[in-house]
Amino acid sequence: MANRTAGRGIAVKVEAFELRKAFGRTVALDGVSLSVASGEFVALLGPSGSGKTSLLRVLAGLEFVDSGRIEIGGRSMDGVPARERSLGFVFQNYALFRHMTVARNVAFGLEVQPRRRRPPPRDIRARVRSLLDLMGIGDLAGRYPEQISGGQRQRVALARALAIQPGLLLLDEPFGALDAKVRKNLRIWLRDLHDRMGLTTIFVTHDQAEAMEMADRVAVLRAGRIEQVDSPDRLYASPANAFVHEFLGEAIRLECSVTQGRAHFDALSLTDIKTTCPAGPAIALIRPYEIGLLPGPGPVQVLSVHANGPLRRVRLALAGQALEVLLPEDSWSPTVGQSCALDLSRASIYSLASADTPRSPQALSKTATR
């Protein structure tokens, strides 16, 4: 049996198959399937109402699905209540007991376990001390939640979740109430804690930087469906569709049409781009640093040029539309008022018919080309 230190569980695999959940007429999950490997850190990312918190809650057993199947550690969760799932759950608002000290809050999950599984009081005290030291808050054991900072409260909440030695840790926007500097420090610390303790972690966030920095893989959700699950690098470099492309980072959108394998920008006097996108109305998406500027004459006029560290931020006018591009300092630099041509060869082209519509769970093919 794997060695268990204070709070250390045995990481488990998580499988979700075609989960569907509705609250009245609102569909929260619409055929969600997800596999999380043992020891993996997966972030659930998406806009408000995308279903990420609903997915976390059904995995935790705080809600039950209308249809579909969940397995944790190879065990079916059908009808299994939250307290029997051997997982830790950390909420955004900490959910600490105000009338209990930090130590009592951490011990609570152990003290309420059935007698046959409850450790002796001496062992509970030792585990609490060890966890608080691990969290870097050992000197706060006797304080109450109102006497410590938000970041310290979040560490207490994590210690409490880990006290039962779960194999799975679920976190619902745990840093949402904290300021930017504290968030930055805590997310580095949490990822390190995940690695040291050998956990399986599923983390809900709406913060793209948080997800991309912390996770092994990121699941991007929209309207109750998963649009793409991939590593942060692949999500950014090879988005599966227009929604993922625009949601992750800044992107410029230009309307176009596709005929005979080429995207045409008729109204903008821009050069055609080769594409495998189906014929019809389409959009081109390109990130500001992917656009090239070429000496004119051309369809764009330079409005301003500003230094931005090793890059130059150039603001352009194109047929009444304002664009901003980022140019490396060693590239050709235009001057204000100059006309230029645009190099859009790195743009991705997406069919307009599917660009703004959540795809069905079965529609996984990518229509963009780079």
Protein backbone atom coordinates (compact mmCIF):
# COMPACT_ATOMS: atom_id res chain seq x y z
CA MET A 1 0.00 0.00 0.00
CA ALA A 2 1.27 3.47 -0.85
CA ASN A 3 2.86 5.38 1.99
CA ARG A 4 0.64 8.09 3.45
CA THR A 5 2.05 11.14 5.12
CA ALA A 6 -0.10 13.80 6.78
CA GLY A 7 -2.95 14.62 4.42
CA ARG A 8 -1.43 12.56 1.59
CA GLY A 9 -3.96 10.39 -0.22
CA ILE A 10 -3.69 7.92 -3.06
CA ALA A 11 -4.33 9.73 -6.35
CA VAL A 12 -7.29 8.39 -8.30
CA LYS A 13 -8.44 8.42 -11.90
CA VAL A 14 -11.68 10.27 -12.66
CA GLU A 15 -13.99 9.35 -15.54
CA ALA A 16 -17.16 11.19 -16.59
CA PHE A 17 -19.34 9.80 -19.38
CA GLU A 18 -22.03 11.82 -21.20
CA LEU A 19 -23.12 13.80 -18.14
CA ARG A 20 -26.38 15.70 -18.45
CA LYS A 21 -27.82 18.00 -15.81
CA ALA A 22 -30.60 20.57 -15.98
CA PHE A 23 -32.01 22.97 -13.41
CA GLY A 24 -35.56 23.50 -14.61
CA ARG A 25 -35.27 24.72 -18.19
CA THR A 26 -31.60 25.64 -17.82
CA VAL A 27 -29.22 23.01 -19.17
CA ALA A 28 -26.06 23.05 -17.06
CA LEU A 29 -24.31 20.01 -18.55
CA ASP A 30 -25.09 18.81 -22.06
CA GLY A 31 -23.31 15.52 -22.71
CA VAL A 32 -20.00 16.21 -20.92
CA SER A 33 -17.33 13.50 -21.02
CA LEU A 34 -13.96 13.95 -19.35
CA SER A 35 -11.11 11.68 -18.29
CA VAL A 36 -8.60 12.84 -15.66
CA ALA A 37 -5.56 10.63 -15.09
CA SER A 38 -4.31 9.70 -11.66
CA GLY A 39 -2.03 12.47 -10.38
CA GLU A 40 -3.09 14.94 -13.08
CA PHE A 41 -3.96 18.61 -12.51
CA VAL A 42 -6.86 19.65 -14.76
CA ALA A 43 -8.41 23.12 -14.89
CA LEU A 44 -12.02 23.72 -15.94
CA LEU A 45 -12.12 27.07 -17.72
CA GLY A 46 -14.99 28.97 -19.30
CA PRO A 47 -17.25 32.01 -19.06
CA SER A 48 -19.97 32.35 -16.43
CA GLY A 49 -22.74 29.84 -17.04
CA SER A 50 -20.55 27.48 -19.05
CA GLY A 51 -21.10 24.56 -16.66
CA LYS A 52 -17.69 24.32 -14.99
CA THR A 53 -18.96 24.62 -11.40
CA SER A 54 -21.89 22.29 -12.15
CA LEU A 55 -19.43 19.70 -13.41
CA LEU A 56 -17.34 20.02 -10.25
CA ARG A 57 -20.40 19.71 -8.02
CA VAL A 58 -21.67 16.53 -9.70
CA LEU A 59 -18.19 15.01 -9.42
CA ALA A 60 -18.26 15.88 -5.71
CA GLY A 61 -21.71 14.39 -5.19
CA LEU A 62 -23.21 17.75 -4.17
CA GLU A 63 -25.54 17.41 -7.15
CA PHE A 64 -26.66 14.31 -9.05
CA VAL A 65 -26.80 14.09 -12.83
CA ASP A 66 -29.99 13.45 -14.80
CA SER A 67 -28.10 10.96 -16.94
CA GLY A 68 -24.56 9.79 -17.52
CA ARG A 69 -22.00 8.02 -15.38
CA ILE A 70 -19.12 8.99 -13.07
CA GLU A 71 -16.29 6.74 -11.90
CA ILE A 72 -13.71 7.76 -9.30
CA GLY A 73 -10.85 5.38 -8.73
CA GLY A 74 -12.63 2.79 -10.87
CA ARG A 75 -15.72 2.87 -8.64
CA SER A 76 -19.13 3.92 -9.92
CA MET A 77 -20.51 6.98 -8.11
CA ASP A 78 -24.17 6.18 -8.88
CA GLY A 79 -26.07 7.15 -5.74
CA VAL A 80 -22.89 7.63 -3.68
CA PRO A 81 -23.21 10.71 -1.42
CA ALA A 82 -20.45 13.29 -1.13
CA ARG A 83 -19.25 12.09 2.28
CA GLU A 84 -18.55 8.61 0.86
CA ARG A 85 -16.50 9.74 -2.16
CA SER A 86 -13.17 10.21 -0.32
CA LEU A 87 -12.46 13.57 -1.88
CA GLY A 88 -11.59 17.05 -0.66
CA PHE A 89 -13.61 20.08 -1.76
CA VAL A 90 -12.48 23.69 -1.37
CA PHE A 91 -14.98 26.50 -1.96
CA GLN A 92 -14.37 30.08 -3.06
CA ASN A 93 -15.71 31.47 0.22
CA TYR A 94 -13.59 29.08 2.36
CA ALA A 95 -16.68 27.82 4.31
CA LEU A 96 -14.76 27.86 7.59
CA PHE A 97 -16.56 27.63 10.92
CA ARG A 98 -16.21 31.05 12.55
CA HIS A 99 -16.67 29.72 16.10
CA MET A 100 -13.85 27.18 15.73
CA THR A 101 -10.12 27.75 15.88
CA VAL A 102 -7.95 27.05 12.85
CA ALA A 103 -6.91 23.70 14.35
CA ARG A 104 -10.52 22.67 15.07
CA ASN A 105 -11.56 23.62 11.53
CA VAL A 106 -8.88 21.36 10.08
CA ALA A 107 -9.76 18.53 12.47
CA PHE A 108 -13.51 18.75 11.81
CA GLY A 109 -13.63 16.37 8.85
CA LEU A 110 -11.80 13.73 10.86
CA GLU A 111 -13.83 14.15 14.02
CA VAL A 112 -17.18 13.61 12.24
CA GLN A 113 -16.12 10.41 10.48
CA PRO A 114 -17.87 7.18 11.51
CA ARG A 115 -16.30 5.63 14.59
CA ARG A 116 -14.84 2.71 12.62
CA ARG A 117 -12.85 5.09 10.41
CA ARG A 118 -12.16 7.90 12.89
CA PRO A 119 -8.52 8.17 13.98
CA PRO A 120 -7.77 8.37 17.72
CA PRO A 121 -7.73 11.95 19.11
CA ARG A 122 -3.95 11.85 19.48
CA ASP A 123 -3.54 10.95 15.81
CA ILE A 124 -5.98 13.69 14.76
CA ARG A 125 -3.98 16.30 16.70
CA ALA A 126 -0.72 15.08 15.13
CA ARG A 127 -2.18 15.17 11.62
CA VAL A 128 -3.56 18.68 12.12
CA ARG A 129 -0.19 19.95 13.37
CA SER A 130 1.60 18.36 10.43
CA LEU A 131 -0.86 19.78 7.88
CA LEU A 132 -0.71 23.30 9.30
CA ASP A 133 3.09 23.16 9.18
CA LEU A 134 2.90 21.91 5.59
CA MET A 135 0.66 24.86 4.70
CA GLY A 136 3.08 27.28 6.36
CA ILE A 137 0.55 28.37 9.00
CA GLY A 138 1.56 26.25 11.99
CA ASP A 139 1.64 29.31 14.25
CA LEU A 140 -2.05 30.08 13.56
CA ALA A 141 -3.53 26.92 15.11
CA GLY A 142 -5.17 28.76 18.02
CA ARG A 143 -6.59 31.68 16.07
CA TYR A 144 -10.09 32.07 14.67
CA PRO A 145 -10.91 32.65 10.96
CA GLU A 146 -11.70 36.33 11.51
CA GLN A 147 -8.22 36.84 13.00
CA ILE A 148 -6.30 35.74 9.87
CA SER A 149 -5.98 37.02 6.30
CA GLY A 150 -7.85 35.77 3.21
CA GLY A 151 -4.82 33.93 1.90
CA GLN A 152 -4.32 32.25 5.28
CA ARG A 153 -7.98 31.24 5.40
CA GLN A 154 -7.63 29.60 2.01
CA ARG A 155 -4.69 27.58 3.30
CA VAL A 156 -6.80 26.50 6.28
CA ALA A 157 -9.56 25.40 3.88
CA LEU A 158 -7.02 23.39 1.89
CA ALA A 159 -5.63 21.80 5.05
CA ARG A 160 -9.14 20.79 6.10
CA ALA A 161 -9.80 19.27 2.67
CA LEU A 162 -6.55 17.29 2.83
CA ALA A 163 -7.02 16.09 6.42
CA ILE A 164 -9.15 13.13 5.33
CA GLN A 165 -6.33 12.03 2.98
CA PRO A 166 -8.33 12.27 -0.26
CA GLY A 167 -7.08 10.95 -3.58
CA LEU A 168 -9.03 13.67 -5.38
CA LEU A 169 -9.01 17.40 -4.63
CA LEU A 170 -11.75 19.61 -6.12
CA LEU A 171 -11.38 23.40 -6.02
CA ASP A 172 -14.12 25.84 -7.03
CA GLU A 173 -12.45 29.19 -7.83
CA PRO A 174 -10.58 29.06 -4.52
CA PHE A 175 -8.69 32.30 -5.14
CA GLY A 176 -11.61 34.36 -6.43
CA ALA A 177 -11.89 36.54 -3.31
CA LEU A 178 -8.16 37.33 -3.11
CA ASP A 179 -6.16 40.20 -4.55
CA ALA A 180 -3.89 39.68 -7.56
CA LYS A 181 -0.60 39.43 -5.67
CA VAL A 182 -1.92 36.89 -3.17
CA ARG A 183 -3.51 34.87 -6.01
CA LYS A 184 -0.20 34.74 -7.85
CA ASN A 185 1.69 33.48 -4.81
CA LEU A 186 -0.98 30.95 -3.83
CA ARG A 187 -1.33 29.37 -7.27
CA ILE A 188 2.42 28.69 -7.45
CA TRP A 189 2.25 27.25 -3.93
CA LEU A 190 -0.84 25.12 -4.74
CA ARG A 191 0.70 23.60 -7.85
CA ASP A 192 3.80 22.70 -5.84
CA LEU A 193 1.59 21.19 -3.11
CA HIS A 194 -0.25 19.08 -5.71
CA ASP A 195 3.05 17.69 -7.01
CA ARG A 196 4.51 17.00 -3.58
CA MET A 197 1.40 15.25 -2.29
CA GLY A 198 0.67 13.23 -5.42
CA LEU A 199 -2.95 14.35 -5.72
CA THR A 200 -5.41 14.29 -8.55
CA THR A 201 -6.71 17.87 -8.75
CA ILE A 202 -9.60 19.43 -10.66
CA PHE A 203 -9.65 23.21 -10.44
CA VAL A 204 -12.43 25.56 -11.59
CA THR A 205 -11.42 29.07 -12.65
CA HIS A 206 -12.49 31.85 -14.99
CA ASP A 207 -8.94 33.23 -14.98
CA GLN A 208 -7.13 32.17 -18.17
CA ALA A 209 -3.65 32.93 -16.84
CA GLU A 210 -4.38 30.88 -13.73
CA ALA A 211 -5.51 27.86 -15.74
CA MET A 212 -2.68 28.05 -18.27
CA GLU A 213 0.00 28.45 -15.60
CA MET A 214 -1.15 25.75 -13.18
CA ALA A 215 -2.74 22.91 -15.14
CA ASP A 216 -1.36 19.89 -16.99
CA ARG A 217 -4.45 20.10 -19.18
CA VAL A 218 -7.27 22.63 -19.50
CA ALA A 219 -10.89 21.81 -20.39
CA VAL A 220 -12.60 24.80 -22.04
CA LEU A 221 -16.37 24.79 -21.52
CA ARG A 222 -19.20 26.71 -23.16
CA ALA A 223 -22.96 26.32 -22.74
CA GLY A 224 -22.63 23.06 -20.83
CA ARG A 225 -20.29 21.42 -23.31
CA ILE A 226 -16.56 20.87 -23.49
CA GLU A 227 -15.11 22.60 -26.54
CA GLN A 228 -11.54 21.34 -26.16
CA VAL A 229 -9.33 19.56 -23.63
CA ASP A 230 -5.61 19.93 -24.17
CA SER A 231 -2.33 21.09 -22.72
CA PRO A 232 -2.01 24.87 -22.28
CA ASP A 233 0.52 25.10 -25.11
CA ARG A 234 -1.65 23.20 -27.58
CA LEU A 235 -4.80 25.06 -26.60
CA TYR A 236 -3.14 28.36 -27.40
CA ALA A 237 -1.28 27.24 -30.52
CA SER A 238 -3.95 24.95 -32.02
CA PRO A 239 -7.45 25.98 -30.84
CA ALA A 240 -10.16 23.58 -31.95
CA ASN A 241 -12.58 26.32 -32.98
CA ALA A 242 -13.19 30.05 -33.05
CA PHE A 243 -14.60 30.19 -29.51
CA VAL A 244 -11.47 28.66 -27.98
CA HIS A 245 -9.26 30.86 -30.17
CA GLU A 246 -10.95 34.09 -29.03
CA PHE A 247 -11.46 33.01 -25.41
CA LEU A 248 -7.78 32.28 -24.83
CA GLY A 249 -5.89 35.50 -25.30
CA GLU A 250 -6.35 38.52 -27.51
CA ALA A 251 -7.42 37.92 -31.11
CA ILE A 252 -8.41 40.17 -34.00
CA ARG A 253 -11.52 39.12 -35.95
CA LEU A 254 -11.93 39.93 -39.63
CA GLU A 255 -14.86 38.85 -41.79
CA CYS A 256 -14.13 37.02 -45.01
CA SER A 257 -15.59 34.43 -47.40
CA VAL A 258 -14.14 31.16 -48.62
CA THR A 259 -14.26 29.98 -52.23
CA GLN A 260 -12.09 27.37 -53.90
CA GLY A 261 -9.88 26.92 -50.86
CA ARG A 262 -9.05 30.59 -50.35
CA ALA A 263 -10.32 33.17 -47.87
CA HIS A 264 -11.19 36.48 -49.54
CA PHE A 265 -11.35 39.86 -47.76
CA ASP A 266 -13.25 41.67 -50.52
CA ALA A 267 -14.33 44.71 -48.51
CA LEU A 268 -10.90 45.20 -46.93
CA SER A 269 -8.59 44.89 -49.96
CA LEU A 270 -6.44 42.33 -48.18
CA THR A 271 -4.50 39.43 -49.70
CA ASP A 272 -6.32 36.10 -49.96
CA ILE A 273 -5.29 33.26 -47.61
CA LYS A 274 -5.18 29.56 -48.43
CA THR A 275 -7.50 27.49 -46.20
CA THR A 276 -9.19 24.11 -45.81
CA CYS A 277 -12.26 25.77 -44.28
CA PRO A 278 -15.54 24.90 -46.10
CA ALA A 279 -16.83 27.36 -48.70
CA GLY A 280 -19.09 30.15 -47.47
CA PRO A 281 -19.02 33.07 -45.03
CA ALA A 282 -16.12 32.82 -42.57
CA ILE A 283 -14.02 34.75 -40.09
CA ALA A 284 -10.25 35.11 -39.80
CA LEU A 285 -8.76 35.16 -36.31
CA ILE A 286 -5.20 36.27 -35.71
CA ARG A 287 -3.30 37.35 -32.62
CA PRO A 288 -1.71 40.84 -32.58
CA TYR A 289 1.84 39.46 -32.59
CA GLU A 290 1.05 37.20 -35.58
CA ILE A 291 0.27 40.08 -37.94
CA GLY A 292 3.05 41.34 -40.15
CA LEU A 293 3.32 44.91 -41.49
CA LEU A 294 4.78 45.52 -44.94
CA PRO A 295 5.79 48.84 -46.50
CA GLY A 296 2.90 50.37 -48.46
CA PRO A 297 1.00 51.44 -50.26
CA GLY A 298 -1.68 49.34 -48.60
CA PRO A 299 -5.19 49.34 -47.12
CA VAL A 300 -4.19 50.30 -43.56
CA GLN A 301 -3.02 53.59 -42.12
CA VAL A 302 -0.79 53.93 -39.05
CA LEU A 303 -2.48 55.90 -36.27
CA SER A 304 0.15 55.56 -33.52
CA VAL A 305 3.34 53.73 -32.57
CA HIS A 306 4.28 53.08 -28.93
CA ALA A 307 7.12 51.15 -27.30
CA ASN A 308 5.94 48.15 -25.28
CA GLY A 309 9.09 46.60 -23.79
CA PRO A 310 10.79 44.52 -26.50
CA LEU A 311 7.75 45.04 -28.75
CA ARG A 312 6.12 48.00 -30.46
CA ARG A 313 2.34 48.39 -30.25
CA VAL A 314 1.11 49.84 -33.53
CA ARG A 315 -2.46 51.11 -33.85
CA LEU A 316 -3.92 50.92 -37.34
CA ALA A 317 -7.06 52.00 -39.20
CA LEU A 318 -8.54 49.50 -41.65
CA ALA A 319 -11.78 50.45 -43.43
CA GLY A 320 -13.03 52.28 -40.34
CA GLN A 321 -11.94 49.49 -38.00
CA ALA A 322 -9.17 50.08 -35.44
CA LEU A 323 -6.58 47.33 -35.02
CA GLU A 324 -3.56 46.96 -32.77
CA VAL A 325 -0.58 44.84 -33.73
CA LEU A 326 2.59 43.95 -31.85
CA LEU A 327 5.87 44.12 -33.75
CA PRO A 328 9.29 42.89 -32.58
CA GLU A 329 11.78 45.69 -32.15
CA ASP A 330 14.02 44.35 -34.94
CA SER A 331 11.22 44.41 -37.57
CA TRP A 332 10.38 47.19 -40.02
CA SER A 333 8.86 50.13 -38.15
CA PRO A 334 6.23 52.35 -39.78
CA THR A 335 5.63 56.00 -38.99
CA VAL A 336 2.39 57.71 -38.04
CA GLY A 337 0.26 58.48 -41.08
CA GLN A 338 2.00 55.94 -43.31
CA SER A 339 -0.03 53.42 -45.33
CA CYS A 340 0.93 49.74 -45.06
CA ALA A 341 0.05 46.29 -46.27
CA LEU A 342 -0.89 43.50 -43.83
CA ASP A 343 0.56 40.01 -43.77
CA LEU A 344 -2.24 37.74 -42.46
CA SER A 345 -0.65 34.44 -43.49
CA ARG A 346 -0.70 33.17 -39.88
CA ALA A 347 -4.45 33.70 -39.47
CA SER A 348 -6.85 30.83 -38.71
CA ILE A 349 -10.02 30.69 -40.79
CA TYR A 350 -13.29 29.41 -39.31
CA SER A 351 -16.67 28.85 -40.93
CA LEU A 352 -19.10 31.54 -39.79
CA ALA A 353 -21.88 28.95 -39.60
CA SER A 354 -20.13 27.20 -36.70
CA ALA A 355 -17.91 29.96 -35.27
CA ASP A 356 -20.40 31.28 -32.71
CA THR A 357 -22.43 28.12 -32.05
CA PRO A 358 -21.49 25.63 -29.33
CA ARG A 359 -20.60 22.40 -31.01
CA SER A 360 -22.34 19.12 -30.27
CA PRO A 361 -20.47 16.62 -28.11
CA GLN A 362 -19.78 14.55 -31.22
CA ALA A 363 -18.51 17.40 -33.41
CA LEU A 364 -14.83 17.37 -32.55
CA SER A 365 -13.26 18.13 -35.93
CA LYS A 366 -11.29 21.32 -36.45
CA THR A 367 -12.03 23.44 -39.50
CA ALA A 368 -9.25 25.97 -39.09
CA THR A 369 -5.94 26.03 -40.88
CA ARG A 370 -2.88 28.00 -39.93
